[in-house]
């Protein structure tokens, strides 16, 4: 269960298959009408995939973020009827409001719960306002059977303060790090040539890419500001994602005189090809759980500049992988970009590659299988 269908689609394909291999009938509850950050076509394809896999779909009007009080009450009633009707072995909840509503209804119906927290809203870098959610998570931890954290900061905080019966660290949803060794220089050159042609840019352009929705939290504006500081016309910022901040980013770029250096590619499925075209990846988020976008960039051999926050610094292990910066400091980012483009990039050592393998999907799937198996004991 999650707030939006897109969240299930992005992060739970393999969890569904793991459960089915363990002999479970799987149901998915999420908002398939207001489906989230994916495209309408992708949402339809995901629903079709679920049907082919014999997964039962429940279109529940869960809202993103905190939602509205009346809507949440209505959703609780729908979920309660669903729980009473179906004989669920356990519930696996994701996303904040879905986890709150799901755990309340599960308690009433005596259904065990796994909650994967994809990054608490409160962290060392959060504003004081975000910490008002802490008491809610603390209280709900008493009715959580297994609490799964995807970054070290959240894991240590939960282990110290929360009261779930079991607290586990599972580093994200996992990516296929075997692809790291398959990247060839020729692939990069071909992919870059194709993207330059698509964007109608000259051959001497440097491509700085970012994958993520166009939202305040993703903080793309700091890159726009850094480009204006650099004043290098052959540096281009290409964003793959959709969201409400597109027009405000365009206005900012126009004000700063770099509008012709900012390019929007909307939602993309061919992320690996997109990464292969890049000279540099940037992940300037103000808050992350464990950003899959950054992990995929590293997997695809792109040097990464990431915000110095939990969920990003977890895998920027050293300067072979990338470097971190203060996500509110455009000057610091500009200096880093110039330094990286003017220097020689290091390759990943065997030691660094070995340390990154804990984020590989094989390792993550093994941990999730063990967690699911323990729910049936």
Protein backbone atom coordinates (compact mmCIF):
# COMPACT_ATOMS: atom_id res chain seq x y z
CA UNK A 1 0.00 0.00 0.00
CA UNK A 2 1.18 3.50 -0.91
CA UNK A 3 -0.34 6.89 -1.64
CA UNK A 4 0.16 6.75 -5.41
CA UNK A 5 0.33 4.05 -8.05
CA UNK A 6 3.55 5.57 -9.39
CA UNK A 7 5.26 4.89 -6.06
CA UNK A 8 4.33 1.22 -6.21
CA UNK A 9 5.46 1.10 -9.84
CA UNK A 10 8.84 2.70 -9.14
CA UNK A 11 9.77 0.83 -5.98
CA UNK A 12 7.83 -2.43 -5.62
CA UNK A 13 7.94 -4.51 -8.81
CA UNK A 14 10.46 -6.92 -7.33
CA UNK A 15 8.79 -7.01 -3.90
CA UNK A 16 5.62 -8.20 -5.62
CA UNK A 17 7.53 -10.97 -7.40
CA UNK A 18 9.32 -11.99 -4.19
CA UNK A 19 5.98 -12.37 -2.38
CA UNK A 20 4.51 -14.37 -5.24
CA UNK A 21 7.51 -16.70 -5.28
CA UNK A 22 6.90 -17.24 -1.56
CA UNK A 23 3.35 -18.33 -2.39
CA UNK A 24 1.37 -15.22 -1.49
CA UNK A 25 -1.55 -13.71 -3.36
CA UNK A 26 -0.62 -10.03 -3.63
CA UNK A 27 -3.01 -7.08 -3.47
CA UNK A 28 -2.00 -3.47 -4.22
CA UNK A 29 -3.85 -0.52 -2.70
CA UNK A 30 -3.01 2.95 -4.01
CA UNK A 31 -4.46 5.92 -5.83
CA UNK A 32 -4.58 4.88 -9.48
CA UNK A 33 -6.69 7.90 -10.48
CA UNK A 34 -4.29 10.58 -9.29
CA UNK A 35 -1.39 8.24 -9.88
CA UNK A 36 1.58 10.49 -9.08
CA UNK A 37 4.72 11.42 -11.00
CA UNK A 38 4.58 8.94 -13.89
CA UNK A 39 2.85 9.55 -17.21
CA UNK A 40 -0.68 8.39 -17.96
CA UNK A 41 0.74 5.84 -20.42
CA UNK A 42 3.14 4.47 -17.80
CA UNK A 43 0.30 4.18 -15.29
CA UNK A 44 -1.78 2.19 -17.77
CA UNK A 45 1.20 -0.05 -18.54
CA UNK A 46 1.75 -0.67 -14.83
CA UNK A 47 -1.91 -1.59 -14.31
CA UNK A 48 -1.66 -3.98 -17.24
CA UNK A 49 1.50 -5.52 -15.75
CA UNK A 50 -0.29 -6.03 -12.43
CA UNK A 51 -3.19 -7.77 -14.18
CA UNK A 52 -0.85 -10.03 -16.13
CA UNK A 53 0.89 -10.92 -12.84
CA UNK A 54 -2.52 -11.70 -11.27
CA UNK A 55 -2.13 -8.94 -8.68
CA UNK A 56 -5.43 -7.63 -7.27
CA UNK A 57 -5.74 -3.85 -7.70
CA UNK A 58 -7.61 -1.63 -5.22
CA UNK A 59 -7.98 1.98 -6.38
CA UNK A 60 -8.09 3.83 -3.05
CA UNK A 61 -8.34 7.66 -2.95
CA UNK A 62 -5.27 8.20 -0.76
CA UNK A 63 -3.81 11.67 -1.05
CA UNK A 64 -0.14 12.62 -1.13
CA UNK A 65 1.47 14.35 1.84
CA UNK A 66 -0.89 14.83 4.83
CA UNK A 67 -4.12 14.94 2.85
CA UNK A 68 -7.41 16.51 3.94
CA UNK A 69 -9.14 15.43 7.14
CA UNK A 70 -12.46 14.39 5.56
CA UNK A 71 -10.71 12.60 2.72
CA UNK A 72 -8.54 10.70 5.19
CA UNK A 73 -11.60 9.61 7.18
CA UNK A 74 -13.26 8.42 3.97
CA UNK A 75 -10.10 6.51 3.04
CA UNK A 76 -9.99 4.90 6.50
CA UNK A 77 -13.54 3.62 6.02
CA UNK A 78 -12.67 2.19 2.59
CA UNK A 79 -9.55 0.51 3.93
CA UNK A 80 -11.42 -0.89 6.91
CA UNK A 81 -14.02 -2.52 4.64
CA UNK A 82 -11.18 -3.94 2.55
CA UNK A 83 -9.42 -5.36 5.62
CA UNK A 84 -12.66 -6.91 6.89
CA UNK A 85 -13.38 -8.48 3.50
CA UNK A 86 -9.91 -9.92 2.79
CA UNK A 87 -7.95 -12.32 4.95
CA UNK A 88 -4.57 -10.57 4.79
CA UNK A 89 -1.50 -12.23 6.31
CA UNK A 90 0.20 -8.85 6.66
CA UNK A 91 0.31 -5.34 5.25
CA UNK A 92 3.39 -3.64 3.77
CA UNK A 93 2.94 0.15 3.80
CA UNK A 94 4.96 2.90 2.11
CA UNK A 95 4.75 6.73 2.01
CA UNK A 96 3.81 8.85 5.06
CA UNK A 97 0.02 9.27 4.91
CA UNK A 98 -0.54 5.73 3.57
CA UNK A 99 1.57 4.37 6.43
CA UNK A 100 -0.50 6.28 9.00
CA UNK A 101 -3.88 5.22 7.62
CA UNK A 102 -2.71 1.68 6.90
CA UNK A 103 -1.32 1.09 10.36
CA UNK A 104 -4.45 2.44 12.08
CA UNK A 105 -6.74 0.14 10.08
CA UNK A 106 -4.35 -2.82 10.46
CA UNK A 107 -4.38 -2.36 14.25
CA UNK A 108 -8.19 -2.43 14.30
CA UNK A 109 -8.22 -5.62 12.19
CA UNK A 110 -5.28 -7.33 13.93
CA UNK A 111 -3.14 -7.45 10.78
CA UNK A 112 0.67 -7.34 11.22
CA UNK A 113 2.44 -4.43 9.48
CA UNK A 114 5.75 -3.78 7.76
CA UNK A 115 6.47 -0.09 7.24
CA UNK A 116 9.25 0.94 4.88
CA UNK A 117 10.07 4.58 5.61
CA UNK A 118 11.51 6.02 2.41
CA UNK A 119 13.15 8.87 4.31
CA UNK A 120 11.57 10.49 7.36
CA UNK A 121 10.47 14.10 6.85
CA UNK A 122 12.61 15.01 9.86
CA UNK A 123 16.40 14.78 9.67
CA UNK A 124 19.53 16.65 10.73
CA UNK A 125 19.07 19.03 7.78
CA UNK A 126 15.31 19.52 8.22
CA UNK A 127 13.55 22.64 9.44
CA UNK A 128 11.96 22.60 12.91
CA UNK A 129 8.52 22.43 11.29
CA UNK A 130 9.32 18.98 9.86
CA UNK A 131 10.07 17.68 13.35
CA UNK A 132 6.39 18.12 14.33
CA UNK A 133 5.84 14.80 12.52
CA UNK A 134 8.28 13.01 14.85
CA UNK A 135 5.70 12.39 17.67
CA UNK A 136 3.31 10.79 15.16
CA UNK A 137 5.99 8.38 13.90
CA UNK A 138 7.08 7.69 17.48
CA UNK A 139 3.52 6.84 18.53
CA UNK A 140 2.82 4.68 15.48
CA UNK A 141 6.05 2.77 16.00
CA UNK A 142 4.34 0.99 18.92
CA UNK A 143 1.91 -0.65 16.46
CA UNK A 144 4.52 -1.47 13.79
CA UNK A 145 5.79 -5.04 13.62
CA UNK A 146 8.73 -4.35 11.32
CA UNK A 147 10.15 -0.93 10.55
CA UNK A 148 12.47 -0.84 7.51
CA UNK A 149 14.82 2.15 7.06
CA UNK A 150 16.67 2.81 3.83
CA UNK A 151 19.48 5.09 5.03
CA UNK A 152 21.86 5.03 7.97
CA UNK A 153 20.73 8.30 9.59
CA UNK A 154 17.09 7.19 9.80
CA UNK A 155 18.13 3.71 10.95
CA UNK A 156 20.20 5.02 13.84
CA UNK A 157 17.47 7.48 14.85
CA UNK A 158 14.76 4.78 14.74
CA UNK A 159 16.85 2.29 16.68
CA UNK A 160 17.42 4.89 19.41
CA UNK A 161 13.91 6.35 19.73
CA UNK A 162 11.26 4.14 18.14
CA UNK A 163 9.51 1.03 19.45
CA UNK A 164 8.71 -1.23 16.50
CA UNK A 165 9.09 -4.91 17.32
CA UNK A 166 11.91 -5.16 14.78
CA UNK A 167 13.94 -2.42 13.08
CA UNK A 168 15.89 -3.28 9.91
CA UNK A 169 18.22 -1.41 7.56
CA UNK A 170 17.70 -2.21 3.87
CA UNK A 171 19.60 0.19 1.55
CA UNK A 172 16.82 1.28 -0.78
CA UNK A 173 15.14 -0.74 -3.48
CA UNK A 174 18.39 -1.79 -5.14
CA UNK A 175 19.74 -1.19 -8.62
CA UNK A 176 21.53 -3.49 -11.04
CA UNK A 177 25.18 -2.67 -10.34
CA UNK A 178 26.31 -5.38 -12.76
CA UNK A 179 25.61 -2.81 -15.48
CA UNK A 180 28.49 -0.72 -14.15
CA UNK A 181 31.04 -2.99 -15.79
CA UNK A 182 29.13 -2.96 -19.10
CA UNK A 183 29.48 0.76 -19.79
CA UNK A 184 31.77 1.50 -22.75
CA UNK A 185 33.26 4.81 -23.91
CA UNK A 186 31.69 4.33 -27.34
CA UNK A 187 28.25 4.07 -25.72
CA UNK A 188 28.78 7.38 -23.96
CA UNK A 189 29.89 9.11 -27.16
CA UNK A 190 26.98 7.74 -29.18
CA UNK A 191 24.38 8.59 -26.50
CA UNK A 192 25.79 12.07 -26.06
CA UNK A 193 25.81 12.68 -29.81
CA UNK A 194 22.15 11.66 -30.01
CA UNK A 195 21.11 13.89 -27.11
CA UNK A 196 23.04 16.86 -28.49
CA UNK A 197 21.22 16.36 -31.78
CA UNK A 198 17.84 16.16 -30.02
CA UNK A 199 18.54 19.36 -28.09
CA UNK A 200 20.18 21.03 -31.13
CA UNK A 201 23.35 21.81 -29.21
CA UNK A 202 26.92 22.18 -30.52
CA UNK A 203 29.42 19.34 -30.20
CA UNK A 204 31.55 21.15 -27.60
CA UNK A 205 28.67 21.26 -25.09
CA UNK A 206 29.01 19.76 -21.60
CA UNK A 207 25.87 18.01 -20.37
CA UNK A 208 24.96 18.18 -16.68
CA UNK A 209 21.97 15.94 -16.07
CA UNK A 210 19.44 15.50 -13.28
CA UNK A 211 16.64 12.97 -12.88
CA UNK A 212 13.73 13.91 -10.63
CA UNK A 213 10.39 15.62 -10.43
CA UNK A 214 10.28 19.38 -10.82
CA UNK A 215 9.54 20.24 -7.20
CA UNK A 216 10.95 22.53 -4.52
CA UNK A 217 12.31 19.51 -2.65
CA UNK A 218 14.39 18.44 -5.65
CA UNK A 219 15.97 21.93 -5.62
CA UNK A 220 16.85 22.21 -9.32
CA UNK A 221 16.99 25.99 -8.95
CA UNK A 222 20.39 25.82 -7.25
CA UNK A 223 21.86 24.35 -10.47
CA UNK A 224 20.30 27.14 -12.52
CA UNK A 225 21.92 29.69 -10.19
CA UNK A 226 25.28 27.89 -10.40
CA UNK A 227 25.19 28.06 -14.21
CA UNK A 228 24.64 31.81 -14.09
CA UNK A 229 27.64 32.14 -11.75
CA UNK A 230 29.84 30.04 -14.04
CA UNK A 231 28.89 32.07 -17.13
CA UNK A 232 29.98 29.22 -19.43
CA UNK A 233 27.66 29.09 -22.42
CA UNK A 234 28.66 25.54 -23.36
CA UNK A 235 27.48 24.13 -20.00
CA UNK A 236 23.93 22.79 -20.32
CA UNK A 237 21.59 21.52 -17.60
CA UNK A 238 19.19 18.78 -18.74
CA UNK A 239 16.38 17.62 -16.43
CA UNK A 240 14.35 14.43 -16.88
CA UNK A 241 11.17 14.79 -14.86
CA UNK A 242 7.82 16.49 -14.62
CA UNK A 243 6.21 18.69 -11.98
CA UNK A 244 4.77 22.04 -10.98
CA UNK A 245 8.09 23.90 -10.80
CA UNK A 246 8.83 23.95 -14.52
CA UNK A 247 7.56 27.49 -15.15
CA UNK A 248 9.26 28.94 -12.07
CA UNK A 249 12.55 27.34 -13.13
CA UNK A 250 12.16 28.85 -16.60
CA UNK A 251 11.44 32.27 -15.11
CA UNK A 252 14.51 32.02 -12.89
CA UNK A 253 16.70 30.93 -15.82
CA UNK A 254 15.39 33.83 -17.91
CA UNK A 255 16.07 36.33 -15.11
CA UNK A 256 19.62 35.01 -14.74
CA UNK A 257 20.27 34.94 -18.50
CA UNK A 258 20.74 31.16 -18.82
CA UNK A 259 17.36 30.12 -20.27
CA UNK A 260 19.04 28.68 -23.39
CA UNK A 261 21.16 26.41 -21.16
CA UNK A 262 18.23 24.74 -19.37
CA UNK A 263 16.45 21.83 -21.08
CA UNK A 264 13.42 19.81 -19.93
CA UNK A 265 12.90 16.26 -21.21
CA UNK A 266 9.75 15.38 -19.21
CA UNK A 267 9.35 11.87 -17.74
CA UNK A 268 11.70 9.29 -19.30
CA UNK A 269 11.90 5.53 -19.13
CA UNK A 270 15.31 5.18 -20.85
CA UNK A 271 17.24 6.54 -17.86
CA UNK A 272 20.38 4.49 -18.57
CA UNK A 273 20.67 5.91 -22.09
CA UNK A 274 20.10 9.38 -20.63
CA UNK A 275 22.91 8.84 -18.11
CA UNK A 276 25.25 7.50 -20.77
CA UNK A 277 24.92 10.83 -22.57
CA UNK A 278 25.95 12.82 -19.50
CA UNK A 279 29.28 14.38 -18.65
CA UNK A 280 28.17 14.95 -15.06
CA UNK A 281 25.15 14.13 -12.89
CA UNK A 282 23.84 16.43 -10.19
CA UNK A 283 21.45 15.60 -7.35
CA UNK A 284 20.74 18.81 -5.41
CA UNK A 285 17.76 17.64 -3.31
CA UNK A 286 16.91 19.22 0.04
CA UNK A 287 15.53 15.91 1.35
CA UNK A 288 15.88 12.30 0.22
CA UNK A 289 15.34 8.85 1.63
CA UNK A 290 17.90 7.05 -0.50
CA UNK A 291 17.76 8.58 -3.95
CA UNK A 292 17.49 5.92 -6.63
CA UNK A 293 18.29 8.54 -9.27
CA UNK A 294 21.72 9.10 -7.79
CA UNK A 295 22.42 5.39 -7.43
CA UNK A 296 21.46 4.79 -11.05
CA UNK A 297 23.78 7.60 -12.17
CA UNK A 298 26.67 5.98 -10.26
CA UNK A 299 25.74 2.59 -11.68
CA UNK A 300 25.84 4.02 -15.19
CA UNK A 301 29.33 5.40 -14.67
CA UNK A 302 28.43 9.09 -14.32
CA UNK A 303 30.38 11.21 -11.87
CA UNK A 304 27.91 12.56 -9.30
CA UNK A 305 27.70 15.84 -7.42
CA UNK A 306 25.15 15.35 -4.66
CA UNK A 307 23.65 17.35 -1.84
CA UNK A 308 25.35 16.73 1.50
CA UNK A 309 22.27 15.12 3.09
CA UNK A 310 21.29 11.68 4.31
CA UNK A 311 20.27 9.33 1.53
CA UNK A 312 22.85 10.78 -0.86
CA UNK A 313 26.04 10.83 1.14
CA UNK A 314 25.25 7.17 1.99
CA UNK A 315 26.63 6.15 -1.42
CA UNK A 316 28.97 9.00 -2.38
CA UNK A 317 31.60 6.99 -0.54
CA UNK A 318 34.62 8.98 -1.73
CA UNK A 319 35.76 11.27 -4.55
CA UNK A 320 35.93 8.32 -6.95
CA UNK A 321 32.11 8.19 -6.88
CA UNK A 322 31.46 11.92 -6.61
CA UNK A 323 31.44 14.87 -4.26
CA UNK A 324 28.91 16.52 -1.97
CA UNK A 325 27.96 20.17 -1.52
CA UNK A 326 25.65 22.36 0.54
CA UNK A 327 22.39 22.26 -1.50
CA UNK A 328 21.60 25.86 -0.56
CA UNK A 329 24.95 27.20 -1.76
CA UNK A 330 25.05 27.88 -5.52
CA UNK A 331 28.59 29.27 -5.31
CA UNK A 332 29.90 26.04 -3.82
CA UNK A 333 28.18 24.04 -6.56
CA UNK A 334 29.59 26.29 -9.29
CA UNK A 335 33.13 25.84 -7.94
CA UNK A 336 32.69 22.05 -7.89
CA UNK A 337 31.35 21.90 -11.45
CA UNK A 338 34.25 23.98 -12.77
CA UNK A 339 36.78 21.90 -10.83
CA UNK A 340 35.39 18.61 -12.15
CA UNK A 341 35.21 19.71 -15.78
CA UNK A 342 38.74 21.12 -15.68
CA UNK A 343 40.27 18.10 -13.93
CA UNK A 344 40.74 14.42 -14.64
CA UNK A 345 38.08 12.03 -13.43
CA UNK A 346 39.15 9.07 -11.31
CA UNK A 347 37.90 5.59 -12.08
CA UNK A 348 36.24 3.43 -9.45
CA UNK A 349 38.65 1.18 -7.59
CA UNK A 350 37.82 -2.46 -6.86
CA UNK A 351 37.40 -1.56 -3.19
CA UNK A 352 34.85 1.18 -3.98
CA UNK A 353 32.90 -1.06 -6.37
CA UNK A 354 32.77 -3.77 -3.69
CA UNK A 355 31.38 -1.31 -1.13
CA UNK A 356 28.72 -0.14 -3.59
CA UNK A 357 27.47 -3.70 -4.06
CA UNK A 358 25.37 -3.49 -0.89
CA UNK A 359 23.06 -1.29 -2.99
CA UNK A 360 22.78 -3.97 -5.68
CA UNK A 361 19.29 -5.33 -6.15
CA UNK A 362 20.39 -8.93 -5.53
CA UNK A 363 21.55 -8.00 -2.04
CA UNK A 364 18.43 -5.90 -1.35
CA UNK A 365 16.08 -8.62 -2.63
CA UNK A 366 17.73 -11.17 -0.35
CA UNK A 367 17.08 -8.93 2.66
CA UNK A 368 13.46 -8.30 1.66
CA UNK A 369 12.85 -12.02 1.14
CA UNK A 370 14.11 -12.70 4.67
CA UNK A 371 11.83 -9.98 6.08
CA UNK A 372 8.80 -11.37 4.24
CA UNK A 373 9.62 -14.93 5.31
CA UNK A 374 9.82 -13.84 8.94
CA UNK A 375 6.26 -12.43 8.71
CA UNK A 376 4.98 -15.92 7.97
CA UNK A 377 6.69 -17.57 10.92
